[in-house]
Structure formats: C-alpha cells, structure tokens
Protein backbone atom coordinates (compact mmCIF):
# COMPACT_ATOMS: atom_id res chain seq x y z
CA MET A 1 40.83 -59.62 43.93
CA SER A 2 39.30 -57.43 46.70
CA PHE A 3 39.42 -52.84 46.83
CA ALA A 4 39.50 -51.55 50.75
CA ARG A 5 35.92 -49.70 50.12
CA SER A 6 37.21 -46.73 51.96
CA SER A 7 39.83 -46.33 48.62
CA PHE A 8 37.33 -45.56 46.15
CA SER A 9 35.14 -43.13 48.78
CA PRO A 10 33.38 -39.81 48.06
CA LYS A 11 35.45 -38.21 50.73
CA LYS A 12 38.57 -39.35 49.48
CA ILE A 13 38.12 -38.53 45.90
CA LEU A 14 37.05 -34.75 47.04
CA TYR A 15 40.52 -34.71 48.90
CA ILE A 16 42.38 -35.37 46.52
CA ILE A 17 40.34 -33.13 43.98
CA SER A 18 41.46 -30.31 46.61
CA PHE A 19 44.24 -31.13 46.74
CA SER A 20 45.01 -30.97 42.91
CA PHE A 21 43.41 -28.23 42.66
CA LEU A 22 45.58 -25.67 45.42
CA GLY A 23 48.72 -27.59 43.84
CA ALA A 24 46.74 -25.53 40.52
CA LEU A 25 46.11 -22.51 42.19
CA ILE A 26 49.99 -22.04 43.67
CA GLY A 27 51.25 -23.38 40.02
CA LEU A 28 49.40 -20.37 39.00
CA LEU A 29 50.51 -18.24 41.38
CA LEU A 30 53.64 -19.19 41.28
CA HIS A 31 54.06 -18.09 37.39
CA ALA A 32 52.28 -14.72 37.65
CA ILE A 33 55.36 -14.03 40.70
CA VAL A 34 58.37 -15.48 38.21
CA GLU A 35 56.51 -13.68 35.37
CA ILE A 36 55.93 -9.94 37.01
CA TRP A 37 59.40 -9.97 37.82
CA TYR A 38 60.90 -10.95 34.47
CA ILE A 39 58.68 -8.98 32.38
CA GLY A 40 59.63 -6.15 34.32
CA LEU A 41 63.10 -6.43 33.89
CA LEU A 42 62.58 -6.81 29.85
CA ILE A 43 60.58 -4.50 30.27
CA ARG A 44 63.81 -2.02 31.75
CA ASP A 45 65.99 -3.23 29.63
CA PHE A 46 65.06 -5.60 26.77
CA SER A 47 69.00 -6.01 25.63
CA THR A 48 70.39 -7.16 28.54
CA TYR A 49 67.50 -9.38 29.82
CA SER A 50 65.89 -10.81 26.94
CA SER A 51 68.90 -13.79 26.35
CA GLY A 52 68.77 -12.68 22.34
CA LEU A 53 65.24 -13.61 22.38
CA THR A 54 62.33 -11.77 20.54
CA TRP A 55 59.31 -10.84 21.88
CA ASN A 56 57.28 -13.63 20.13
CA GLN A 57 60.00 -16.03 21.00
CA TRP A 58 59.26 -15.12 24.85
CA TYR A 59 55.64 -14.89 23.95
CA THR A 60 55.67 -18.72 23.31
CA ILE A 61 58.32 -19.82 26.47
CA HIS A 62 54.71 -17.70 28.57
CA HIS A 63 52.35 -20.53 26.94
CA VAL A 64 54.98 -23.36 27.52
CA GLY A 65 55.58 -22.28 31.23
CA THR A 66 52.41 -22.30 31.72
CA VAL A 67 51.44 -25.65 30.85
CA VAL A 68 54.61 -26.80 33.06
CA LEU A 69 53.97 -25.02 36.12
CA GLU A 70 50.25 -25.68 36.60
CA GLY A 71 50.99 -29.38 35.15
CA VAL A 72 53.52 -29.45 37.69
CA GLY A 73 51.36 -28.16 40.61
CA ILE A 74 48.32 -30.41 39.50
CA PHE A 75 50.42 -33.48 40.01
CA ALA A 76 52.04 -32.25 43.31
CA GLY A 77 48.88 -31.21 44.50
CA TYR A 78 48.06 -34.92 43.59
CA LEU A 79 50.44 -36.40 45.80
CA GLN A 80 49.98 -34.51 48.16
CA GLY A 81 46.78 -35.54 48.33
CA LYS A 82 47.12 -39.06 48.36
CA TYR A 83 50.01 -38.60 51.20
CA TRP A 84 48.25 -36.60 53.64
CA TRP A 85 44.87 -39.63 53.11
CA ARG A 86 47.27 -41.47 53.97
CA ARG A 87 49.06 -39.74 56.92
CA ILE A 88 45.43 -38.52 58.22
CA TYR A 89 43.31 -41.35 57.46
CA ILE A 90 44.90 -44.57 57.78
CA THR A 91 47.63 -44.40 59.97
CA LYS A 92 46.28 -42.19 62.46
CA VAL A 93 49.66 -40.04 62.90
CA ASN A 94 50.04 -39.34 66.65
CA SER A 95 46.61 -40.91 68.00
C-alpha cells in the first residue's frame, strides 16, 4: 500500500490547520453574536424570554453552546480545508 507523497505534506497540514482555526474563530464570533443578542433580551425582560429557566440554567446552556459551536466550527473548518486543498492543489479547477 503506497501513499501519495502530497497526502502528508507540511503545506497541506498547515493549510487544513489554518482552515480549522478559521472555523474556530467563526464559531466564537457566531457564539458572541447570539449570546449578546439573547442576553440583551434576558436582561430587558427575564420573565418573558427566560423560557422558565433560571440564570444558573442559562449559564449551563452558555457552556454547552460554547463547546458545541466550537466543535462544529473546527470540524467545518477541517472539512473546508480538505475540500479546498483538493479543489485548488489537486484538481486545479479552471486552469
């Protein structure tokens, strides 16, 4: 079983890691936007927007949301890195 030399190149690894980092940053940005918006609603009228949850429960939701959005962001970045590496450097579309 032989592997193509380019499948383990440092350039490819750095490319995919960079996309994963970008995904993590986008996940953080999305989390911040949603959280700032919804915390504003909770502060304005907690009884209406809290859905019957306490502040401690919302704090737990914050932590779970952070982990989920970061995981999704990193995974999506990884998949996009692999896709664009293949598209740009292997198939060389439109060249």
